[in-house]
Amino acid sequence: MTLPEKKLWDELRKLDMNIRRQAPIGRYVADFACHAASLVIEVDGPMHDLPDEQLRDLERTAGLRSQGYQVMRVPNEVALTDSYGVAERVQATILEARSRGKGR
């Protein structure tokens, strides 16, 4: 894992919401996923600003969505400097999914 992913993982683990890292989903491996809430969290580094990578990201997001997953993309900088805030957003998204009857 990259440093931003490690920082975010430290915060996500504290949530105790059954979030997995390096989670296989079909032909993809998500940085983080909560399968019960059908949520994928992707941490994007500077490479993701390149046109070819942006196209791959769009295809990847579409592929994950086609399998019923919501995709949350987090820039490296944000994961590094505000991992707690990102974890709060993840928790809110999971709780919202639970209130809609999706997830445990």
N, C-alpha and C. Protein backbone atom coordinates (compact mmCIF):
# COMPACT_ATOMS: atom_id res chain seq x y z
N MET A 1 0.84 -1.19 0.00
CA MET A 1 0.00 0.00 0.00
C MET A 1 0.88 1.25 0.00
N THR A 2 0.36 2.28 -0.62
CA THR A 2 1.05 3.57 -0.60
C THR A 2 0.84 4.22 0.77
N LEU A 3 1.60 5.25 1.07
CA LEU A 3 1.45 5.94 2.35
C LEU A 3 0.04 6.51 2.53
N PRO A 4 -0.55 7.17 1.53
CA PRO A 4 -1.92 7.65 1.70
C PRO A 4 -2.91 6.50 1.97
N GLU A 5 -2.73 5.37 1.28
CA GLU A 5 -3.60 4.22 1.53
C GLU A 5 -3.43 3.70 2.95
N LYS A 6 -2.19 3.65 3.44
CA LYS A 6 -1.94 3.19 4.81
C LYS A 6 -2.60 4.10 5.83
N LYS A 7 -2.47 5.41 5.62
CA LYS A 7 -3.09 6.36 6.56
C LYS A 7 -4.61 6.19 6.56
N LEU A 8 -5.18 6.06 5.37
CA LEU A 8 -6.63 5.89 5.30
C LEU A 8 -7.04 4.56 5.91
N TRP A 9 -6.29 3.50 5.65
CA TRP A 9 -6.60 2.19 6.20
C TRP A 9 -6.61 2.22 7.73
N ASP A 10 -5.66 2.95 8.31
CA ASP A 10 -5.62 3.09 9.78
C ASP A 10 -6.94 3.65 10.31
N GLU A 11 -7.50 4.61 9.60
CA GLU A 11 -8.78 5.22 10.03
C GLU A 11 -9.97 4.31 9.70
N LEU A 12 -9.95 3.68 8.55
CA LEU A 12 -11.07 2.81 8.16
C LEU A 12 -11.21 1.61 9.10
N ARG A 13 -10.08 1.09 9.55
CA ARG A 13 -10.13 -0.06 10.47
C ARG A 13 -10.83 0.30 11.78
N LYS A 14 -10.69 1.53 12.20
CA LYS A 14 -11.31 1.98 13.46
C LYS A 14 -12.83 1.98 13.37
N LEU A 15 -13.38 2.03 12.16
CA LEU A 15 -14.83 2.10 11.99
C LEU A 15 -15.52 0.80 12.35
N ASP A 16 -14.81 -0.31 12.28
CA ASP A 16 -15.39 -1.63 12.55
C ASP A 16 -16.65 -1.85 11.71
N MET A 17 -16.51 -1.62 10.41
CA MET A 17 -17.65 -1.75 9.49
C MET A 17 -17.39 -2.77 8.40
N ASN A 18 -16.49 -3.70 8.68
CA ASN A 18 -16.23 -4.80 7.74
C ASN A 18 -15.73 -4.31 6.38
N ILE A 19 -14.81 -3.35 6.42
CA ILE A 19 -14.18 -2.84 5.21
C ILE A 19 -12.95 -3.69 4.93
N ARG A 20 -12.80 -4.05 3.68
CA ARG A 20 -11.67 -4.88 3.26
C ARG A 20 -10.72 -4.05 2.40
N ARG A 21 -9.42 -4.38 2.49
CA ARG A 21 -8.46 -3.72 1.60
C ARG A 21 -8.05 -4.71 0.53
N GLN A 22 -7.65 -4.18 -0.61
CA GLN A 22 -7.28 -5.00 -1.76
C GLN A 22 -8.36 -6.06 -2.01
N ALA A 23 -9.58 -5.58 -2.16
CA ALA A 23 -10.74 -6.46 -2.27
C ALA A 23 -11.03 -6.80 -3.74
N PRO A 24 -10.99 -8.10 -4.08
CA PRO A 24 -11.32 -8.48 -5.45
C PRO A 24 -12.82 -8.34 -5.72
N ILE A 25 -13.12 -7.70 -6.86
CA ILE A 25 -14.51 -7.55 -7.30
C ILE A 25 -14.49 -7.79 -8.80
N GLY A 26 -14.99 -8.94 -9.21
CA GLY A 26 -14.92 -9.30 -10.62
C GLY A 26 -13.48 -9.29 -11.09
N ARG A 27 -13.21 -8.57 -12.16
CA ARG A 27 -11.84 -8.53 -12.69
C ARG A 27 -11.00 -7.41 -12.08
N TYR A 28 -11.56 -6.71 -11.10
CA TYR A 28 -10.86 -5.60 -10.46
C TYR A 28 -10.44 -5.95 -9.04
N VAL A 29 -9.46 -5.20 -8.55
CA VAL A 29 -9.09 -5.27 -7.14
C VAL A 29 -9.21 -3.85 -6.61
N ALA A 30 -10.18 -3.64 -5.74
CA ALA A 30 -10.43 -2.30 -5.19
C ALA A 30 -9.44 -2.01 -4.07
N ASP A 31 -9.05 -0.75 -3.94
CA ASP A 31 -8.18 -0.37 -2.83
C ASP A 31 -8.85 -0.76 -1.51
N PHE A 32 -10.12 -0.37 -1.37
CA PHE A 32 -10.91 -0.71 -0.18
C PHE A 32 -12.35 -0.95 -0.62
N ALA A 33 -13.04 -1.84 0.09
CA ALA A 33 -14.45 -2.09 -0.24
C ALA A 33 -15.21 -2.54 0.99
N CYS A 34 -16.46 -2.11 1.03
CA CYS A 34 -17.41 -2.65 2.01
C CYS A 34 -18.46 -3.37 1.16
N HIS A 35 -18.33 -4.67 1.07
CA HIS A 35 -19.21 -5.45 0.20
C HIS A 35 -20.67 -5.35 0.66
N ALA A 36 -20.90 -5.35 1.96
CA ALA A 36 -22.27 -5.31 2.47
C ALA A 36 -23.00 -4.04 2.04
N ALA A 37 -22.26 -2.94 1.89
CA ALA A 37 -22.86 -1.67 1.48
C ALA A 37 -22.62 -1.38 -0.01
N SER A 38 -21.98 -2.32 -0.70
CA SER A 38 -21.64 -2.15 -2.12
C SER A 38 -20.91 -0.84 -2.37
N LEU A 39 -19.86 -0.61 -1.57
CA LEU A 39 -19.08 0.63 -1.66
C LEU A 39 -17.63 0.29 -1.93
N VAL A 40 -17.05 0.97 -2.90
CA VAL A 40 -15.63 0.86 -3.22
C VAL A 40 -14.99 2.22 -2.95
N ILE A 41 -13.83 2.21 -2.30
CA ILE A 41 -13.07 3.43 -2.06
C ILE A 41 -11.74 3.28 -2.80
N GLU A 42 -11.48 4.18 -3.74
CA GLU A 42 -10.26 4.16 -4.52
C GLU A 42 -9.42 5.39 -4.17
N VAL A 43 -8.16 5.18 -3.85
CA VAL A 43 -7.23 6.27 -3.56
C VAL A 43 -6.42 6.51 -4.83
N ASP A 44 -6.54 7.73 -5.37
CA ASP A 44 -5.93 8.07 -6.65
C ASP A 44 -4.71 8.96 -6.49
N GLY A 45 -3.58 8.48 -6.99
CA GLY A 45 -2.34 9.25 -6.99
C GLY A 45 -2.25 10.15 -8.21
N PRO A 46 -1.13 10.85 -8.36
CA PRO A 46 -0.95 11.79 -9.47
C PRO A 46 -1.06 11.14 -10.85
N MET A 47 -0.73 9.85 -10.93
CA MET A 47 -0.86 9.13 -12.20
C MET A 47 -2.27 9.22 -12.77
N HIS A 48 -3.24 9.29 -11.88
CA HIS A 48 -4.64 9.28 -12.30
C HIS A 48 -5.05 10.58 -13.00
N ASP A 49 -4.14 11.56 -13.03
CA ASP A 49 -4.40 12.81 -13.75
C ASP A 49 -4.05 12.69 -15.23
N LEU A 50 -3.34 11.65 -15.59
CA LEU A 50 -2.95 11.46 -16.99
C LEU A 50 -4.15 11.02 -17.82
N PRO A 51 -4.28 11.50 -19.06
CA PRO A 51 -5.44 11.17 -19.89
C PRO A 51 -5.72 9.67 -20.01
N ASP A 52 -4.68 8.86 -20.26
CA ASP A 52 -4.89 7.42 -20.39
C ASP A 52 -5.42 6.81 -19.10
N GLU A 53 -4.89 7.27 -17.97
CA GLU A 53 -5.33 6.76 -16.67
C GLU A 53 -6.76 7.20 -16.36
N GLN A 54 -7.11 8.43 -16.76
CA GLN A 54 -8.47 8.90 -16.54
C GLN A 54 -9.46 8.04 -17.32
N LEU A 55 -9.08 7.65 -18.53
CA LEU A 55 -9.94 6.78 -19.32
C LEU A 55 -10.08 5.42 -18.65
N ARG A 56 -8.97 4.86 -18.16
CA ARG A 56 -9.02 3.57 -17.45
C ARG A 56 -9.87 3.68 -16.19
N ASP A 57 -9.74 4.81 -15.49
CA ASP A 57 -10.55 5.00 -14.28
C ASP A 57 -12.04 5.04 -14.60
N LEU A 58 -12.39 5.71 -15.70
CA LEU A 58 -13.81 5.77 -16.11
C LEU A 58 -14.32 4.37 -16.42
N GLU A 59 -13.52 3.59 -17.14
CA GLU A 59 -13.92 2.22 -17.48
C GLU A 59 -14.03 1.36 -16.22
N ARG A 60 -13.09 1.53 -15.32
CA ARG A 60 -13.08 0.77 -14.07
C ARG A 60 -14.30 1.12 -13.22
N THR A 61 -14.57 2.42 -13.11
CA THR A 61 -15.74 2.87 -12.35
C THR A 61 -17.02 2.31 -12.96
N ALA A 62 -17.13 2.38 -14.28
CA ALA A 62 -18.31 1.83 -14.96
C ALA A 62 -18.44 0.33 -14.71
N GLY A 63 -17.32 -0.38 -14.75
CA GLY A 63 -17.34 -1.83 -14.49
C GLY A 63 -17.78 -2.14 -13.07
N LEU A 64 -17.30 -1.38 -12.11
CA LEU A 64 -17.69 -1.61 -10.71
C LEU A 64 -19.16 -1.24 -10.50
N ARG A 65 -19.59 -0.15 -11.12
CA ARG A 65 -21.00 0.26 -11.00
C ARG A 65 -21.92 -0.78 -11.62
N SER A 66 -21.48 -1.38 -12.72
CA SER A 66 -22.31 -2.40 -13.37
C SER A 66 -22.50 -3.62 -12.47
N GLN A 67 -21.61 -3.76 -11.49
CA GLN A 67 -21.74 -4.86 -10.53
C GLN A 67 -22.45 -4.40 -9.25
N GLY A 68 -23.01 -3.18 -9.29
CA GLY A 68 -23.82 -2.69 -8.18
C GLY A 68 -23.06 -1.89 -7.13
N TYR A 69 -21.83 -1.53 -7.39
CA TYR A 69 -21.02 -0.80 -6.41
C TYR A 69 -21.04 0.70 -6.66
N GLN A 70 -21.08 1.44 -5.58
CA GLN A 70 -20.87 2.87 -5.62
C GLN A 70 -19.35 3.07 -5.47
N VAL A 71 -18.78 3.98 -6.24
CA VAL A 71 -17.33 4.20 -6.20
C VAL A 71 -17.03 5.59 -5.65
N MET A 72 -16.25 5.62 -4.59
CA MET A 72 -15.80 6.87 -3.98
C MET A 72 -14.32 7.02 -4.31
N ARG A 73 -13.98 8.06 -5.05
CA ARG A 73 -12.58 8.32 -5.41
C ARG A 73 -12.02 9.40 -4.50
N VAL A 74 -10.84 9.11 -3.95
CA VAL A 74 -10.19 10.02 -3.01
C VAL A 74 -8.79 10.33 -3.52
N PRO A 75 -8.48 11.61 -3.74
CA PRO A 75 -7.12 11.95 -4.15
C PRO A 75 -6.10 11.62 -3.06
N ASN A 76 -4.91 11.21 -3.46
CA ASN A 76 -3.83 10.90 -2.51
C ASN A 76 -3.69 11.98 -1.44
N GLU A 77 -3.65 13.23 -1.89
CA GLU A 77 -3.43 14.36 -0.98
C GLU A 77 -4.48 14.39 0.14
N VAL A 78 -5.73 14.14 -0.22
CA VAL A 78 -6.82 14.16 0.77
C VAL A 78 -6.70 12.96 1.71
N ALA A 79 -6.41 11.79 1.16
CA ALA A 79 -6.23 10.60 2.00
C ALA A 79 -5.08 10.80 2.98
N LEU A 80 -4.06 11.52 2.55
CA LEU A 80 -2.89 11.74 3.38
C LEU A 80 -3.12 12.80 4.46
N THR A 81 -3.79 13.88 4.08
CA THR A 81 -3.93 15.01 5.01
C THR A 81 -5.24 15.00 5.81
N ASP A 82 -6.24 14.27 5.33
CA ASP A 82 -7.53 14.25 6.04
C ASP A 82 -8.13 12.85 6.05
N SER A 83 -7.33 11.86 6.43
CA SER A 83 -7.82 10.48 6.43
C SER A 83 -9.00 10.32 7.38
N TYR A 84 -9.01 11.06 8.48
CA TYR A 84 -10.13 10.98 9.42
C TYR A 84 -11.42 11.48 8.75
N GLY A 85 -11.33 12.60 8.05
CA GLY A 85 -12.49 13.14 7.35
C GLY A 85 -13.01 12.20 6.27
N VAL A 86 -12.09 11.57 5.54
CA VAL A 86 -12.49 10.61 4.52
C VAL A 86 -13.20 9.42 5.18
N ALA A 87 -12.65 8.94 6.28
CA ALA A 87 -13.27 7.81 7.00
C ALA A 87 -14.67 8.19 7.48
N GLU A 88 -14.85 9.43 7.90
CA GLU A 88 -16.18 9.88 8.31
C GLU A 88 -17.16 9.83 7.13
N ARG A 89 -16.70 10.26 5.95
CA ARG A 89 -17.55 10.20 4.74
C ARG A 89 -17.88 8.76 4.40
N VAL A 90 -16.90 7.88 4.51
CA VAL A 90 -17.13 6.46 4.23
C VAL A 90 -18.17 5.91 5.21
N GLN A 91 -18.00 6.21 6.48
CA GLN A 91 -18.95 5.73 7.49
C GLN A 91 -20.36 6.24 7.19
N ALA A 92 -20.49 7.52 6.86
CA ALA A 92 -21.81 8.08 6.55
C ALA A 92 -22.43 7.39 5.34
N THR A 93 -21.62 7.09 4.34
CA THR A 93 -22.12 6.41 3.14
C THR A 93 -22.58 5.00 3.47
N ILE A 94 -21.83 4.29 4.30
CA ILE A 94 -22.22 2.93 4.70
C ILE A 94 -23.50 2.97 5.53
N LEU A 95 -23.59 3.90 6.47
CA LEU A 95 -24.79 4.00 7.30
C LEU A 95 -26.02 4.35 6.46
N GLU A 96 -25.82 5.20 5.45
CA GLU A 96 -26.93 5.54 4.55
C GLU A 96 -27.38 4.30 3.77
N ALA A 97 -26.43 3.50 3.31
CA ALA A 97 -26.76 2.27 2.59
C ALA A 97 -27.54 1.32 3.50
N ARG A 98 -27.13 1.24 4.76
CA ARG A 98 -27.84 0.39 5.71
C ARG A 98 -29.27 0.87 5.93
N SER A 99 -29.45 2.19 6.00
CA SER A 99 -30.79 2.72 6.25
C SER A 99 -31.71 2.49 5.06
N ARG A 100 -31.12 2.33 3.87
CA ARG A 100 -31.90 2.02 2.67
C ARG A 100 -32.15 0.53 2.55
N GLY A 101 -31.64 -0.22 3.53
CA GLY A 101 -31.85 -1.66 3.52
C GLY A 101 -30.79 -2.43 2.79
N LYS A 102 -29.70 -1.76 2.43
CA LYS A 102 -28.62 -2.43 1.73
C LYS A 102 -27.45 -2.53 2.69
N GLY A 103 -27.04 -3.70 2.99
CA GLY A 103 -25.89 -3.88 3.88
C GLY A 103 -26.33 -4.21 5.29
N ARG A 104 -25.35 -4.67 6.06
CA ARG A 104 -25.61 -5.08 7.44
C ARG A 104 -25.15 -4.02 8.40
